[in-house]
């Protein structure tokens, strides 16, 4: 892992401090940024999202889709977790914890928005960081790549309808036009641009592609941190007034991570898949494409919304939660392989 990836939670915490401080000192700046919109899309955010997302999507080789049959049981299990269990579970956890258990400790006007943010987070399967988690768990790289390519293909057509369905079931108004625009802007167009860039760079050489990805990766990191500063600049008053909000939102996210990972791991065990497949299957099933969730939440509900804050909490706990899953997967390898022998 790079230093940025290893200490992602620390950088997010630093962005909270910087963003909240700037929001208090320079509120006019953040209001000016919020007004830079066209067709309900914030232009600075749109630019930052593309800089953030496109390098990640360029690393995905869709040719790997031809290899999905090699570990069909693991593929089916991960798809089941990603596209049915995890988003539905998050909608249920949001209803239990946000609408009921924690309702008295949260601002009433933001309850629906918090639930929406949690749904947006859980419905977006991880694209980039999952390669790191799989490598740390000694996962099968071909399985990981083929699963990510398949998830990204499904996401282009399935993310919008799934989010719309779960929001509707949670009695949250779905702005379909804005949701469709978000899917086009933050999934379909970035995927097409990323694959075009990949094709051009790979036609030169593998070394040129890797060098370009390293440079683009630095820009992606900078875009993520700047986006977080903007978000917390707008969320400053809410965080100062309700400091427990972040901790309360983290609880259903953590439950979802460990339940989804555990279920995927157990199902692969019962299906007698190799440990090198079960590990990344659990990790892919538990992690989230939080960059997409953040962008969609802001487009649908705005910078000031509870939805935007909920997705950012996902960024905050991503690394410690996933490292815990990696630890469990690695520590249980001898048991897993011994029982499969």
Protein backbone atom coordinates (compact mmCIF):
# COMPACT_ATOMS: atom_id res chain seq x y z
CA UNK A 1 0.00 0.00 0.00
CA UNK A 2 1.14 3.54 -0.67
CA UNK A 3 1.52 5.98 2.22
CA UNK A 4 -1.71 7.67 1.14
CA UNK A 5 -3.68 4.42 1.09
CA UNK A 6 -2.23 3.22 4.41
CA UNK A 7 -3.14 6.43 6.24
CA UNK A 8 -6.33 7.30 4.36
CA UNK A 9 -8.31 7.67 7.60
CA UNK A 10 -5.70 10.15 8.89
CA UNK A 11 -5.94 12.24 5.71
CA UNK A 12 -9.73 12.25 5.97
CA UNK A 13 -9.50 13.39 9.60
CA UNK A 14 -7.12 16.17 8.52
CA UNK A 15 -9.56 17.18 5.77
CA UNK A 16 -12.31 17.37 8.39
CA UNK A 17 -10.26 19.85 10.41
CA UNK A 18 -9.21 21.91 7.39
CA UNK A 19 -12.67 21.89 5.82
CA UNK A 20 -14.55 22.80 9.00
CA UNK A 21 -12.04 25.57 9.78
CA UNK A 22 -12.21 27.06 6.28
CA UNK A 23 -16.00 26.77 6.30
CA UNK A 24 -16.11 28.88 9.46
CA UNK A 25 -13.49 31.39 8.30
CA UNK A 26 -14.45 31.72 4.61
CA UNK A 27 -18.14 30.85 4.24
CA UNK A 28 -18.48 33.16 1.22
CA UNK A 29 -15.97 31.02 -0.71
CA UNK A 30 -17.96 27.84 -0.25
CA UNK A 31 -21.22 29.57 -1.15
CA UNK A 32 -19.59 30.82 -4.35
CA UNK A 33 -18.41 27.30 -5.22
CA UNK A 34 -21.89 25.90 -4.57
CA UNK A 35 -23.36 28.37 -7.09
CA UNK A 36 -21.13 27.13 -9.93
CA UNK A 37 -23.74 24.78 -11.34
CA UNK A 38 -25.06 23.83 -14.76
CA UNK A 39 -28.12 21.57 -15.16
CA UNK A 40 -27.97 20.78 -11.40
CA UNK A 41 -24.37 19.58 -11.72
CA UNK A 42 -21.73 21.38 -9.69
CA UNK A 43 -18.93 22.11 -12.17
CA UNK A 44 -15.94 22.08 -9.74
CA UNK A 45 -17.17 18.82 -8.24
CA UNK A 46 -17.71 17.27 -11.67
CA UNK A 47 -14.14 18.11 -12.65
CA UNK A 48 -12.73 16.73 -9.40
CA UNK A 49 -14.75 13.52 -9.75
CA UNK A 50 -13.42 12.88 -13.24
CA UNK A 51 -9.84 13.50 -12.10
CA UNK A 52 -10.48 11.13 -9.21
CA UNK A 53 -12.37 8.34 -10.98
CA UNK A 54 -10.92 8.07 -14.49
CA UNK A 55 -7.40 6.89 -13.46
CA UNK A 56 -9.00 4.15 -11.34
CA UNK A 57 -11.22 2.96 -14.18
CA UNK A 58 -8.28 3.02 -16.62
CA UNK A 59 -6.64 0.25 -14.59
CA UNK A 60 -9.58 -2.08 -15.28
CA UNK A 61 -9.03 -4.42 -18.23
CA UNK A 62 -12.45 -5.40 -19.59
CA UNK A 63 -10.78 -8.17 -21.58
CA UNK A 64 -10.71 -10.02 -18.24
CA UNK A 65 -14.44 -10.63 -18.66
CA UNK A 66 -13.51 -13.60 -20.84
CA UNK A 67 -12.01 -15.27 -17.75
CA UNK A 68 -15.06 -15.12 -15.48
CA UNK A 69 -15.88 -18.82 -16.00
CA UNK A 70 -12.65 -19.95 -14.35
CA UNK A 71 -14.06 -19.32 -10.88
CA UNK A 72 -17.77 -19.20 -11.64
CA UNK A 73 -18.88 -20.07 -8.10
CA UNK A 74 -16.82 -17.26 -6.58
CA UNK A 75 -18.07 -14.84 -9.24
CA UNK A 76 -21.73 -15.71 -8.56
CA UNK A 77 -21.25 -15.37 -4.79
CA UNK A 78 -19.62 -11.95 -5.07
CA UNK A 79 -22.30 -10.72 -7.46
CA UNK A 80 -24.97 -11.92 -5.02
CA UNK A 81 -23.33 -10.00 -2.18
CA UNK A 82 -22.60 -6.85 -4.22
CA UNK A 83 -25.91 -6.45 -5.97
CA UNK A 84 -28.46 -7.96 -3.59
CA UNK A 85 -27.28 -8.59 -0.04
CA UNK A 86 -25.14 -5.52 0.65
CA UNK A 87 -27.43 -2.75 -0.69
CA UNK A 88 -30.58 -4.33 0.76
CA UNK A 89 -28.85 -4.91 4.08
CA UNK A 90 -27.74 -1.26 4.21
CA UNK A 91 -31.27 -0.06 3.50
CA UNK A 92 -32.47 -2.27 6.38
CA UNK A 93 -29.70 -1.08 8.74
CA UNK A 94 -30.46 2.52 7.84
CA UNK A 95 -34.11 1.97 8.72
CA UNK A 96 -33.23 0.26 12.02
CA UNK A 97 -30.45 2.54 13.25
CA UNK A 98 -30.99 5.94 11.60
CA UNK A 99 -34.77 6.07 11.49
CA UNK A 100 -35.33 4.39 14.87
CA UNK A 101 -32.44 3.64 17.25
CA UNK A 102 -30.51 6.89 16.69
CA UNK A 103 -33.38 9.13 15.57
CA UNK A 104 -33.39 11.15 18.79
CA UNK A 105 -29.66 11.93 18.47
CA UNK A 106 -29.75 13.08 14.84
CA UNK A 107 -31.22 16.21 13.22
CA UNK A 108 -34.72 15.16 12.19
CA UNK A 109 -34.58 17.03 8.88
CA UNK A 110 -31.58 14.96 7.74
CA UNK A 111 -32.69 11.45 8.68
CA UNK A 112 -33.92 10.51 5.19
CA UNK A 113 -30.82 12.07 3.68
CA UNK A 114 -28.51 9.99 5.91
CA UNK A 115 -30.30 6.80 4.86
CA UNK A 116 -30.02 7.81 1.21
CA UNK A 117 -26.27 8.34 1.59
CA UNK A 118 -25.83 4.91 3.16
CA UNK A 119 -27.75 3.31 0.28
CA UNK A 120 -25.68 5.16 -2.33
CA UNK A 121 -22.52 3.94 -0.62
CA UNK A 122 -23.53 0.28 -0.36
CA UNK A 123 -24.84 0.07 -3.94
CA UNK A 124 -21.46 1.00 -5.46
CA UNK A 125 -19.03 -1.98 -5.57
CA UNK A 126 -15.36 -1.10 -5.11
CA UNK A 127 -13.25 -0.58 -8.23
CA UNK A 128 -9.75 0.58 -7.27
CA UNK A 129 -8.82 -0.15 -3.65
CA UNK A 130 -9.99 -3.76 -3.97
CA UNK A 131 -6.80 -4.55 -5.90
CA UNK A 132 -4.84 -3.46 -2.83
CA UNK A 133 -6.96 -5.55 -0.46
CA UNK A 134 -6.75 -8.60 -2.72
CA UNK A 135 -2.96 -8.34 -2.97
CA UNK A 136 -2.65 -8.09 0.83
CA UNK A 137 -4.80 -11.23 1.19
CA UNK A 138 -2.78 -13.11 -1.47
CA UNK A 139 -5.86 -13.28 -3.65
CA UNK A 140 -6.03 -14.62 -7.19
CA UNK A 141 -5.28 -11.52 -9.34
CA UNK A 142 -7.17 -12.87 -12.35
CA UNK A 143 -10.30 -13.49 -10.28
CA UNK A 144 -10.04 -10.00 -8.77
CA UNK A 145 -9.60 -8.34 -12.15
CA UNK A 146 -12.43 -10.28 -13.82
CA UNK A 147 -14.77 -9.57 -10.89
CA UNK A 148 -14.01 -5.84 -10.94
CA UNK A 149 -14.49 -5.70 -14.72
CA UNK A 150 -17.83 -7.49 -14.39
CA UNK A 151 -18.96 -5.22 -11.54
CA UNK A 152 -18.06 -2.11 -13.54
CA UNK A 153 -19.99 -3.42 -16.54
CA UNK A 154 -23.07 -4.06 -14.39
CA UNK A 155 -22.68 -0.72 -12.62
CA UNK A 156 -23.14 1.23 -15.87
CA UNK A 157 -26.68 -0.13 -16.20
CA UNK A 158 -27.62 -1.39 -12.75
CA UNK A 159 -26.52 1.29 -10.28
CA UNK A 160 -29.23 3.84 -11.13
CA UNK A 161 -32.21 1.43 -11.06
CA UNK A 162 -30.96 -0.27 -7.87
CA UNK A 163 -30.48 3.04 -6.03
CA UNK A 164 -33.85 4.30 -7.26
CA UNK A 165 -35.60 1.11 -6.11
CA UNK A 166 -34.04 1.14 -2.62
CA UNK A 167 -34.64 4.86 -2.11
CA UNK A 168 -38.27 4.37 -3.14
CA UNK A 169 -38.65 1.43 -0.76
CA UNK A 170 -37.22 3.64 2.00
CA UNK A 171 -39.92 6.25 1.26
CA UNK A 172 -37.32 8.73 -0.07
CA UNK A 173 -38.23 10.81 -3.11
CA UNK A 174 -36.14 9.80 -6.11
CA UNK A 175 -35.10 12.64 -8.45
CA UNK A 176 -34.84 10.35 -11.47
CA UNK A 177 -33.58 12.97 -13.92
CA UNK A 178 -30.72 13.92 -11.60
CA UNK A 179 -29.98 10.27 -10.82
CA UNK A 180 -29.78 9.43 -14.52
CA UNK A 181 -27.53 12.43 -15.14
CA UNK A 182 -25.25 11.31 -12.30
CA UNK A 183 -24.96 7.80 -13.72
CA UNK A 184 -24.04 9.17 -17.15
CA UNK A 185 -21.58 11.74 -15.77
CA UNK A 186 -19.89 9.64 -13.10
CA UNK A 187 -20.07 6.11 -14.51
CA UNK A 188 -20.69 5.83 -18.24
CA UNK A 189 -18.62 8.77 -19.53
CA UNK A 190 -15.66 8.11 -17.17
CA UNK A 191 -15.61 4.41 -18.14
CA UNK A 192 -15.54 5.29 -21.84
CA UNK A 193 -12.85 7.97 -21.41
CA UNK A 194 -10.78 5.72 -19.15
CA UNK A 195 -10.85 2.82 -21.59
CA UNK A 196 -9.98 5.12 -24.48
CA UNK A 197 -7.02 6.47 -22.51
CA UNK A 198 -6.00 2.92 -21.59
CA UNK A 199 -6.08 1.82 -25.23
CA UNK A 200 -3.99 4.79 -26.39
CA UNK A 201 -1.39 4.40 -23.63
CA UNK A 202 -1.14 0.62 -23.95
CA UNK A 203 -0.61 0.99 -27.70
CA UNK A 204 2.62 2.83 -26.86
CA UNK A 205 3.92 0.40 -24.24
CA UNK A 206 3.18 -1.10 -20.85
CA UNK A 207 5.86 1.15 -19.32
CA UNK A 208 4.21 4.28 -20.73
CA UNK A 209 0.84 3.16 -19.35
CA UNK A 210 2.24 2.49 -15.87
CA UNK A 211 4.11 5.81 -15.81
CA UNK A 212 0.95 7.68 -16.84
CA UNK A 213 -1.05 5.85 -14.15
CA UNK A 214 1.45 6.89 -11.47
CA UNK A 215 1.17 10.54 -12.50
CA UNK A 216 -2.63 10.36 -12.80
CA UNK A 217 -2.75 8.63 -9.42
CA UNK A 218 -1.22 11.69 -7.75
CA UNK A 219 -3.88 13.86 -9.36
CA UNK A 220 -6.58 11.44 -8.22
CA UNK A 221 -5.35 11.67 -4.62
CA UNK A 222 -5.27 15.47 -4.73
CA UNK A 223 -8.80 15.55 -6.19
CA UNK A 224 -10.11 13.27 -3.43
CA UNK A 225 -8.59 15.37 -0.65
CA UNK A 226 -9.84 18.64 -2.16
CA UNK A 227 -13.33 17.17 -2.53
CA UNK A 228 -13.31 16.16 1.14
CA UNK A 229 -12.20 19.66 2.18
CA UNK A 230 -15.10 21.13 0.19
CA UNK A 231 -17.57 18.69 1.71
CA UNK A 232 -16.51 19.37 5.28
CA UNK A 233 -16.43 23.09 4.57
CA UNK A 234 -20.13 22.86 3.81
CA UNK A 235 -20.81 20.39 6.64
CA UNK A 236 -18.91 22.36 9.30
CA UNK A 237 -21.92 23.76 11.17
CA UNK A 238 -23.66 20.37 11.24
CA UNK A 239 -20.56 18.62 12.56
CA UNK A 240 -19.92 21.22 15.26
CA UNK A 241 -23.57 21.12 16.33
CA UNK A 242 -23.82 17.30 16.20
CA UNK A 243 -20.33 15.84 16.79
CA UNK A 244 -21.73 12.33 17.35
CA UNK A 245 -23.24 12.15 13.86
CA UNK A 246 -20.12 10.69 12.24
CA UNK A 247 -19.79 7.97 14.91
CA UNK A 248 -23.48 7.07 14.64
CA UNK A 249 -23.32 6.83 10.84
CA UNK A 250 -20.23 4.62 11.10
CA UNK A 251 -22.09 1.92 13.04
CA UNK A 252 -24.37 0.61 10.24
CA UNK A 253 -21.49 0.91 7.76
CA UNK A 254 -19.23 -1.24 9.96
CA UNK A 255 -21.97 -3.84 10.47
CA UNK A 256 -22.53 -3.99 6.71
CA UNK A 257 -18.79 -4.43 6.02
CA UNK A 258 -18.26 -7.34 8.39
CA UNK A 259 -21.56 -9.08 7.67
CA UNK A 260 -21.09 -8.89 3.88
CA UNK A 261 -17.46 -10.01 4.07
CA UNK A 262 -18.29 -12.85 6.46
CA UNK A 263 -21.19 -14.10 4.36
CA UNK A 264 -19.15 -14.05 1.15
CA UNK A 265 -16.27 -15.89 2.85
CA UNK A 266 -18.58 -18.53 4.32
CA UNK A 267 -20.45 -19.08 1.03
CA UNK A 268 -17.16 -19.59 -0.82
CA UNK A 269 -16.12 -22.05 1.89
CA UNK A 270 -19.37 -23.99 1.49
CA UNK A 271 -18.93 -23.92 -2.30
CA UNK A 272 -15.38 -25.30 -1.82
CA UNK A 273 -13.73 -22.42 -3.67
CA UNK A 274 -10.00 -21.86 -3.24
CA UNK A 275 -8.88 -19.53 -0.45
CA UNK A 276 -7.25 -17.28 -3.06
CA UNK A 277 -10.77 -16.72 -4.44
CA UNK A 278 -12.67 -16.66 -1.15
CA UNK A 279 -10.43 -13.87 0.23
CA UNK A 280 -10.90 -11.33 -2.57
CA UNK A 281 -14.56 -12.35 -2.88
CA UNK A 282 -15.10 -11.35 0.76
CA UNK A 283 -13.14 -8.13 0.26
CA UNK A 284 -14.92 -7.15 -2.96
CA UNK A 285 -18.25 -7.93 -1.32
CA UNK A 286 -17.52 -5.66 1.64
CA UNK A 287 -15.79 -2.62 0.12
CA UNK A 288 -17.37 0.34 -1.68
CA UNK A 289 -16.68 2.67 -4.61
CA UNK A 290 -16.93 5.62 -2.24
CA UNK A 291 -15.81 8.18 -4.85
CA UNK A 292 -18.88 7.41 -6.97
CA UNK A 293 -21.13 7.45 -3.90
CA UNK A 294 -19.83 10.88 -2.83
CA UNK A 295 -20.34 12.35 -6.32
CA UNK A 296 -23.85 10.93 -6.66
CA UNK A 297 -24.88 12.05 -3.17
CA UNK A 298 -23.81 15.63 -3.86
CA UNK A 299 -25.55 15.66 -7.25
CA UNK A 300 -28.81 14.31 -5.82
CA UNK A 301 -28.96 16.07 -2.46
CA UNK A 302 -26.31 18.81 -2.40
CA UNK A 303 -23.09 19.65 -0.55
CA UNK A 304 -24.97 20.45 2.67
CA UNK A 305 -26.92 17.19 2.74
CA UNK A 306 -26.73 14.38 5.22
CA UNK A 307 -26.34 12.03 2.24
CA UNK A 308 -23.02 13.64 1.31
CA UNK A 309 -21.81 13.38 4.91
CA UNK A 310 -22.86 9.72 5.17
CA UNK A 311 -20.86 8.76 2.07
CA UNK A 312 -17.80 10.58 3.42
CA UNK A 313 -18.03 8.55 6.64
CA UNK A 314 -17.57 5.55 4.35
CA UNK A 315 -14.27 7.05 3.20
CA UNK A 316 -13.23 7.65 6.81
CA UNK A 317 -13.60 4.02 7.92
CA UNK A 318 -12.71 2.27 4.63
CA UNK A 319 -9.06 1.51 5.43
CA UNK A 320 -9.33 0.32 9.06
CA UNK A 321 -12.42 -1.78 8.30
CA UNK A 322 -10.94 -3.44 5.22
CA UNK A 323 -7.57 -4.04 6.89
CA UNK A 324 -9.47 -5.83 9.65
CA UNK A 325 -11.13 -8.06 7.03
CA UNK A 326 -7.74 -8.72 5.41
CA UNK A 327 -6.34 -9.72 8.82
CA UNK A 328 -9.21 -12.15 9.45
CA UNK A 329 -8.90 -13.69 5.97
CA UNK A 330 -5.15 -14.19 6.36
CA UNK A 331 -5.35 -15.55 9.91
CA UNK A 332 -7.99 -18.10 8.90
CA UNK A 333 -6.12 -19.39 5.83
CA UNK A 334 -4.77 -22.54 7.54
CA UNK A 335 -8.24 -23.46 8.84
CA UNK A 336 -9.84 -22.77 5.46
CA UNK A 337 -7.34 -24.75 3.43
CA UNK A 338 -7.15 -27.55 6.01
CA UNK A 339 -10.91 -28.13 5.89
CA UNK A 340 -10.93 -27.94 2.09
CA UNK A 341 -8.22 -30.58 1.74
